[in-house]
Amino acid sequence: MDQLTEGSVPESVSTADAGGRSASLQILYERHVGRAVALATILTGDPHAAEDIAHDCFVRVAARSGLFDREIRFEAYLQRAVVNACRSRFRRQSVERSFLAREPSIAWSPAPELALDIAVTAALRELPHRQRAAIALRYLEDLSEEQTAQILRCSPRAVNALVSRALASLRARTELEES
C-alpha cells in the first residue's frame, strides 16, 4: 500500500500510464489535495482523519476524472466528496458515541486539537455539521455563496443563513469565554 503524505503522489498514480494521464493526475493531486486536507481538517477537527478522508476522496474522484472536462468541475466534485465523507464520519461517530455511553468500561478520548486557537476550535466543533461546512467552504476555501450552495446541495440563501447562524454562535461562545 502506498504511503500518502501531503505533497506526495502515490506510486500507483505516478506510474499509471505513459499517455499523459499520470502527469495530469499528479498535477491534480498537487493542486487539490492540500486544500482538501485543510477543508476536511476544519470539518472533522482531526488532522489525521482529515488526511485519510481527503486522500480517499481524491482517489474516488480521480477514478472518475474522465467524466470531467475541466479542472474546475474536478475541484467542485472533490470538495463535495470531502464534505459528504466528513458527514458520513460524523454519523459513524454518533453511533460509536452512543455505544460508548452504554458501555462505561470502554474509554474514549477526543481527537487532538487543531493548530487554531483552542477556543475557536472548540466552538467550531460544537457547531452543527452544515454550519461548520458552510463556514469552512466560505472562509477556508474562499468559495462564493453559489459554489458553497452547490456543494452543500442547498440554495445560496440557505448558505447565507447557515453562515450567519454559525458566526453568531461563534461570537456568542467566544464572548462568553472572554467574560
C-alpha atoms as a PDB file:
ATOM      1  CA  MET A   1       0.000   0.000   0.000  1.00  0.00           C
ATOM      2  CA  ASP A   2       1.301   3.428  -0.932  1.00  0.00           C
ATOM      3  CA  GLN A   3       2.217   5.808   1.863  1.00  0.00           C
ATOM      4  CA  LEU A   4       0.459   9.145   1.289  1.00  0.00           C
ATOM      5  CA  THR A   5       1.551  12.435   2.759  1.00  0.00           C
ATOM      6  CA  GLU A   6       0.689  15.972   1.767  1.00  0.00           C
ATOM      7  CA  GLY A   7       2.560  16.830  -1.422  1.00  0.00           C
ATOM      8  CA  SER A   8       3.461  13.231  -2.261  1.00  0.00           C
ATOM      9  CA  VAL A   9       1.998  11.277  -5.131  1.00  0.00           C
ATOM     10  CA  PRO A  10       1.074   7.628  -4.674  1.00  0.00           C
ATOM     11  CA  GLU A  11       3.226   5.272  -6.706  1.00  0.00           C
ATOM     12  CA  SER A  12       0.166   3.747  -8.341  1.00  0.00           C
ATOM     13  CA  VAL A  13      -0.849   7.208  -9.571  1.00  0.00           C
ATOM     14  CA  SER A  14       2.597   8.296 -10.786  1.00  0.00           C
ATOM     15  CA  THR A  15       3.078   5.093 -12.792  1.00  0.00           C
ATOM     16  CA  ALA A  16      -0.443   4.907 -14.229  1.00  0.00           C
ATOM     17  CA  ASP A  17       0.255   5.045 -17.968  1.00  0.00           C
ATOM     18  CA  ALA A  18       2.536   6.716 -20.464  1.00  0.00           C
ATOM     19  CA  GLY A  19      -0.294   8.576 -22.214  1.00  0.00           C
ATOM     20  CA  GLY A  20      -0.070  11.666 -20.020  1.00  0.00           C
ATOM     21  CA  ARG A  21      -2.697  10.511 -17.528  1.00  0.00           C
ATOM     22  CA  SER A  22      -0.100  10.044 -14.797  1.00  0.00           C
ATOM     23  CA  ALA A  23       1.205  13.583 -15.291  1.00  0.00           C
ATOM     24  CA  SER A  24      -2.300  15.054 -15.198  1.00  0.00           C
ATOM     25  CA  LEU A  25      -3.174  13.053 -12.066  1.00  0.00           C
ATOM     26  CA  GLN A  26      -0.004  14.266 -10.417  1.00  0.00           C
ATOM     27  CA  ILE A  27      -0.867  17.865 -11.266  1.00  0.00           C
ATOM     28  CA  LEU A  28      -4.427  17.422  -9.951  1.00  0.00           C
ATOM     29  CA  TYR A  29      -3.038  15.821  -6.788  1.00  0.00           C
ATOM     30  CA  GLU A  30      -0.562  18.625  -6.154  1.00  0.00           C
ATOM     31  CA  ARG A  31      -3.162  21.330  -6.785  1.00  0.00           C
ATOM     32  CA  HIS A  32      -6.080  19.949  -4.832  1.00  0.00           C
ATOM     33  CA  VAL A  33      -5.157  17.512  -2.080  1.00  0.00           C
ATOM     34  CA  GLY A  34      -3.680  20.150   0.238  1.00  0.00           C
ATOM     35  CA  ARG A  35      -6.878  22.175   0.151  1.00  0.00           C
ATOM     36  CA  ALA A  36      -8.989  19.043   0.534  1.00  0.00           C
ATOM     37  CA  VAL A  37      -6.980  18.116   3.658  1.00  0.00           C
ATOM     38  CA  ALA A  38      -7.472  21.640   5.053  1.00  0.00           C
ATOM     39  CA  LEU A  39     -11.214  21.507   4.393  1.00  0.00           C
ATOM     40  CA  ALA A  40     -11.532  18.065   5.995  1.00  0.00           C
ATOM     41  CA  THR A  41      -9.446  19.234   8.985  1.00  0.00           C
ATOM     42  CA  ILE A  42     -11.820  22.113   9.660  1.00  0.00           C
ATOM     43  CA  LEU A  43     -14.848  19.868   9.240  1.00  0.00           C
ATOM     44  CA  THR A  44     -13.578  16.988  11.395  1.00  0.00           C
ATOM     45  CA  GLY A  45     -11.246  18.705  13.842  1.00  0.00           C
ATOM     46  CA  ASP A  46      -8.858  15.779  13.423  1.00  0.00           C
ATOM     47  CA  PRO A  47      -5.896  16.351  11.067  1.00  0.00           C
ATOM     48  CA  HIS A  48      -5.110  12.630  10.806  1.00  0.00           C
ATOM     49  CA  ALA A  49      -8.644  11.643   9.877  1.00  0.00           C
ATOM     50  CA  ALA A  50      -8.737  14.631   7.531  1.00  0.00           C
ATOM     51  CA  GLU A  51      -5.745  13.320   5.581  1.00  0.00           C
ATOM     52  CA  ASP A  52      -7.388   9.913   5.241  1.00  0.00           C
ATOM     53  CA  ILE A  53     -10.654  11.452   4.096  1.00  0.00           C
ATOM     54  CA  ALA A  54      -9.000  13.807   1.610  1.00  0.00           C
ATOM     55  CA  HIS A  55      -6.848  11.059   0.074  1.00  0.00           C
ATOM     56  CA  ASP A  56      -9.750   8.622  -0.146  1.00  0.00           C
ATOM     57  CA  CYS A  57     -11.900  11.255  -1.812  1.00  0.00           C
ATOM     58  CA  PHE A  58      -9.135  12.177  -4.250  1.00  0.00           C
ATOM     59  CA  VAL A  59      -8.736   8.541  -5.296  1.00  0.00           C
ATOM     60  CA  ARG A  60     -12.507   8.145  -5.782  1.00  0.00           C
ATOM     61  CA  VAL A  61     -12.830  11.377  -7.750  1.00  0.00           C
ATOM     62  CA  ALA A  62      -9.671  10.738  -9.789  1.00  0.00           C
ATOM     63  CA  ALA A  63     -11.019   7.328 -10.767  1.00  0.00           C
ATOM     64  CA  ARG A  64     -13.890   9.210 -12.384  1.00  0.00           C
ATOM     65  CA  SER A  65     -11.712  12.018 -13.742  1.00  0.00           C
ATOM     66  CA  GLY A  66     -12.572  11.019 -17.306  1.00  0.00           C
ATOM     67  CA  LEU A  67     -16.011  12.447 -16.553  1.00  0.00           C
ATOM     68  CA  PHE A  68     -14.612  15.947 -16.068  1.00  0.00           C
ATOM     69  CA  ASP A  69     -13.794  18.176 -18.985  1.00  0.00           C
ATOM     70  CA  ARG A  70     -12.368  20.938 -16.835  1.00  0.00           C
ATOM     71  CA  GLU A  71     -10.364  21.099 -13.641  1.00  0.00           C
ATOM     72  CA  ILE A  72     -12.949  23.393 -12.028  1.00  0.00           C
ATOM     73  CA  ARG A  73     -15.521  20.616 -12.110  1.00  0.00           C
ATOM     74  CA  PHE A  74     -12.925  18.250 -10.595  1.00  0.00           C
ATOM     75  CA  GLU A  75     -12.300  20.651  -7.718  1.00  0.00           C
ATOM     76  CA  ALA A  76     -16.014  21.134  -7.019  1.00  0.00           C
ATOM     77  CA  TYR A  77     -16.629  17.393  -7.123  1.00  0.00           C
ATOM     78  CA  LEU A  78     -13.665  16.795  -4.783  1.00  0.00           C
ATOM     79  CA  GLN A  79     -14.959  19.408  -2.321  1.00  0.00           C
ATOM     80  CA  ARG A  80     -18.411  17.843  -2.357  1.00  0.00           C
ATOM     81  CA  ALA A  81     -16.893  14.394  -1.812  1.00  0.00           C
ATOM     82  CA  VAL A  82     -14.887  15.690   1.182  1.00  0.00           C
ATOM     83  CA  VAL A  83     -17.958  17.331   2.752  1.00  0.00           C
ATOM     84  CA  ASN A  84     -20.012  14.154   2.262  1.00  0.00           C
ATOM     85  CA  ALA A  85     -17.225  11.927   3.644  1.00  0.00           C
ATOM     86  CA  CYS A  86     -16.952  14.141   6.731  1.00  0.00           C
ATOM     87  CA  ARG A  87     -20.725  13.955   7.205  1.00  0.00           C
ATOM     88  CA  SER A  88     -20.546  10.151   6.991  1.00  0.00           C
ATOM     89  CA  ARG A  89     -17.721  10.148   9.525  1.00  0.00           C
ATOM     90  CA  PHE A  90     -19.836  12.175  11.968  1.00  0.00           C
ATOM     91  CA  ARG A  91     -22.736   9.794  11.560  1.00  0.00           C
ATOM     92  CA  ARG A  92     -20.471   6.847  12.345  1.00  0.00           C
ATOM     93  CA  GLN A  93     -19.037   8.685  15.336  1.00  0.00           C
ATOM     94  CA  SER A  94     -22.532   9.355  16.624  1.00  0.00           C
ATOM     95  CA  VAL A  95     -23.239   5.629  16.610  1.00  0.00           C
ATOM     96  CA  GLU A  96     -19.894   4.969  18.306  1.00  0.00           C
ATOM     97  CA  ARG A  97     -20.566   7.586  20.999  1.00  0.00           C
ATOM     98  CA  SER A  98     -23.986   6.168  21.792  1.00  0.00           C
ATOM     99  CA  PHE A  99     -22.428   2.714  22.105  1.00  0.00           C
ATOM    100  CA  LEU A 100     -19.648   4.034  24.343  1.00  0.00           C
ATOM    101  CA  ALA A 101     -22.202   5.829  26.514  1.00  0.00           C
ATOM    102  CA  ARG A 102     -23.869   2.464  27.158  1.00  0.00           C
ATOM    103  CA  GLU A 103     -20.508   0.735  27.777  1.00  0.00           C
ATOM    104  CA  PRO A 104     -18.772   2.660  30.587  1.00  0.00           C
ATOM    105  CA  SER A 105     -15.834   0.231  30.688  1.00  0.00           C
ATOM    106  CA  ILE A 106     -14.594   1.470  27.280  1.00  0.00           C
ATOM    107  CA  ALA A 107     -12.670   4.750  27.463  1.00  0.00           C
ATOM    108  CA  TRP A 108     -12.920   7.332  24.700  1.00  0.00           C
ATOM    109  CA  SER A 109     -10.664  10.316  24.158  1.00  0.00           C
ATOM    110  CA  PRO A 110     -11.311  13.160  21.715  1.00  0.00           C
ATOM    111  CA  ALA A 111      -9.141  13.872  18.671  1.00  0.00           C
ATOM    112  CA  PRO A 112      -6.112  16.156  19.134  1.00  0.00           C
ATOM    113  CA  GLU A 113      -6.745  19.904  18.858  1.00  0.00           C
ATOM    114  CA  LEU A 114      -6.125  21.813  15.644  1.00  0.00           C
ATOM    115  CA  ALA A 115      -3.375  24.373  15.445  1.00  0.00           C
ATOM    116  CA  LEU A 116      -6.114  27.021  15.633  1.00  0.00           C
ATOM    117  CA  ASP A 117      -6.935  28.849  18.825  1.00  0.00           C
ATOM    118  CA  ILE A 118      -8.337  26.284  21.260  1.00  0.00           C
ATOM    119  CA  ALA A 119     -11.458  28.342  21.963  1.00  0.00           C
ATOM    120  CA  VAL A 120     -12.216  28.747  18.248  1.00  0.00           C
ATOM    121  CA  THR A 121     -11.585  25.062  17.602  1.00  0.00           C
ATOM    122  CA  ALA A 122     -13.899  24.062  20.448  1.00  0.00           C
ATOM    123  CA  ALA A 123     -16.580  26.450  19.234  1.00  0.00           C
ATOM    124  CA  LEU A 124     -16.264  25.123  15.656  1.00  0.00           C
ATOM    125  CA  ARG A 125     -16.668  21.563  16.900  1.00  0.00           C
ATOM    126  CA  GLU A 126     -19.885  22.472  18.682  1.00  0.00           C
ATOM    127  CA  LEU A 127     -21.473  23.847  15.517  1.00  0.00           C
ATOM    128  CA  PRO A 128     -23.829  21.602  13.587  1.00  0.00           C
ATOM    129  CA  HIS A 129     -22.164  19.926  10.611  1.00  0.00           C
ATOM    130  CA  ARG A 130     -23.866  22.035   7.921  1.00  0.00           C
ATOM    131  CA  GLN A 131     -22.933  25.294   9.664  1.00  0.00           C
ATOM    132  CA  ARG A 132     -19.342  24.121  10.075  1.00  0.00           C
ATOM    133  CA  ALA A 133     -19.218  23.056   6.420  1.00  0.00           C
ATOM    134  CA  ALA A 134     -20.623  26.414   5.300  1.00  0.00           C
ATOM    135  CA  ILE A 135     -18.012  28.299   7.355  1.00  0.00           C
ATOM    136  CA  ALA A 136     -15.175  26.125   6.057  1.00  0.00           C
ATOM    137  CA  LEU A 137     -16.233  26.412   2.421  1.00  0.00           C
ATOM    138  CA  ARG A 138     -16.904  30.160   2.538  1.00  0.00           C
ATOM    139  CA  TYR A 139     -13.880  31.245   4.593  1.00  0.00           C
ATOM    140  CA  LEU A 140     -11.273  28.495   4.295  1.00  0.00           C
ATOM    141  CA  GLU A 141     -11.936  27.601   0.663  1.00  0.00           C
ATOM    142  CA  ASP A 142     -12.999  31.175  -0.187  1.00  0.00           C
ATOM    143  CA  LEU A 143     -15.927  29.971  -2.279  1.00  0.00           C
ATOM    144  CA  SER A 144     -18.879  32.105  -3.315  1.00  0.00           C
ATOM    145  CA  GLU A 145     -22.327  31.513  -1.861  1.00  0.00           C
ATOM    146  CA  GLU A 146     -23.375  29.873  -5.137  1.00  0.00           C
ATOM    147  CA  GLN A 147     -20.416  27.473  -5.146  1.00  0.00           C
ATOM    148  CA  THR A 148     -20.951  26.628  -1.488  1.00  0.00           C
ATOM    149  CA  ALA A 149     -24.651  26.067  -2.171  1.00  0.00           C
ATOM    150  CA  GLN A 150     -23.841  23.598  -4.944  1.00  0.00           C
ATOM    151  CA  ILE A 151     -21.516  21.618  -2.692  1.00  0.00           C
ATOM    152  CA  LEU A 152     -23.946  21.593   0.240  1.00  0.00           C
ATOM    153  CA  ARG A 153     -26.899  20.996  -2.114  1.00  0.00           C
ATOM    154  CA  CYS A 154     -28.927  23.931  -0.898  1.00  0.00           C
ATOM    155  CA  SER A 155     -29.816  27.426  -2.069  1.00  0.00           C
ATOM    156  CA  PRO A 156     -27.414  30.387  -1.798  1.00  0.00           C
ATOM    157  CA  ARG A 157     -29.897  31.954   0.602  1.00  0.00           C
ATOM    158  CA  ALA A 158     -29.646  28.875   2.840  1.00  0.00           C
ATOM    159  CA  VAL A 159     -25.829  29.169   2.760  1.00  0.00           C
ATOM    160  CA  ASN A 160     -26.142  32.791   3.854  1.00  0.00           C
ATOM    161  CA  ALA A 161     -28.401  31.740   6.724  1.00  0.00           C
ATOM    162  CA  LEU A 162     -26.066  28.888   7.748  1.00  0.00           C
ATOM    163  CA  VAL A 163     -23.034  31.196   7.777  1.00  0.00           C
ATOM    164  CA  SER A 164     -24.931  33.905   9.637  1.00  0.00           C
ATOM    165  CA  ARG A 165     -26.121  31.484  12.327  1.00  0.00           C
ATOM    166  CA  ALA A 166     -22.672  29.923  12.630  1.00  0.00           C
ATOM    167  CA  LEU A 167     -20.929  33.280  13.019  1.00  0.00           C
ATOM    168  CA  ALA A 168     -23.493  34.423  15.600  1.00  0.00           C
ATOM    169  CA  SER A 169     -22.974  31.207  17.534  1.00  0.00           C
ATOM    170  CA  LEU A 170     -19.180  31.533  17.362  1.00  0.00           C
ATOM    171  CA  ARG A 171     -19.329  35.158  18.516  1.00  0.00           C
ATOM    172  CA  ALA A 172     -21.597  34.268  21.425  1.00  0.00           C
ATOM    173  CA  ARG A 173     -19.374  31.405  22.529  1.00  0.00           C
ATOM    174  CA  THR A 174     -16.147  33.378  22.349  1.00  0.00           C
ATOM    175  CA  GLU A 175     -17.748  36.350  24.197  1.00  0.00           C
ATOM    176  CA  LEU A 176     -18.877  34.014  26.992  1.00  0.00           C
ATOM    177  CA  GLU A 177     -15.375  32.605  27.333  1.00  0.00           C
ATOM    178  CA  GLU A 178     -13.796  36.085  27.394  1.00  0.00           C
ATOM    179  CA  SER A 179     -16.034  37.312  30.238  1.00  0.00           C
END
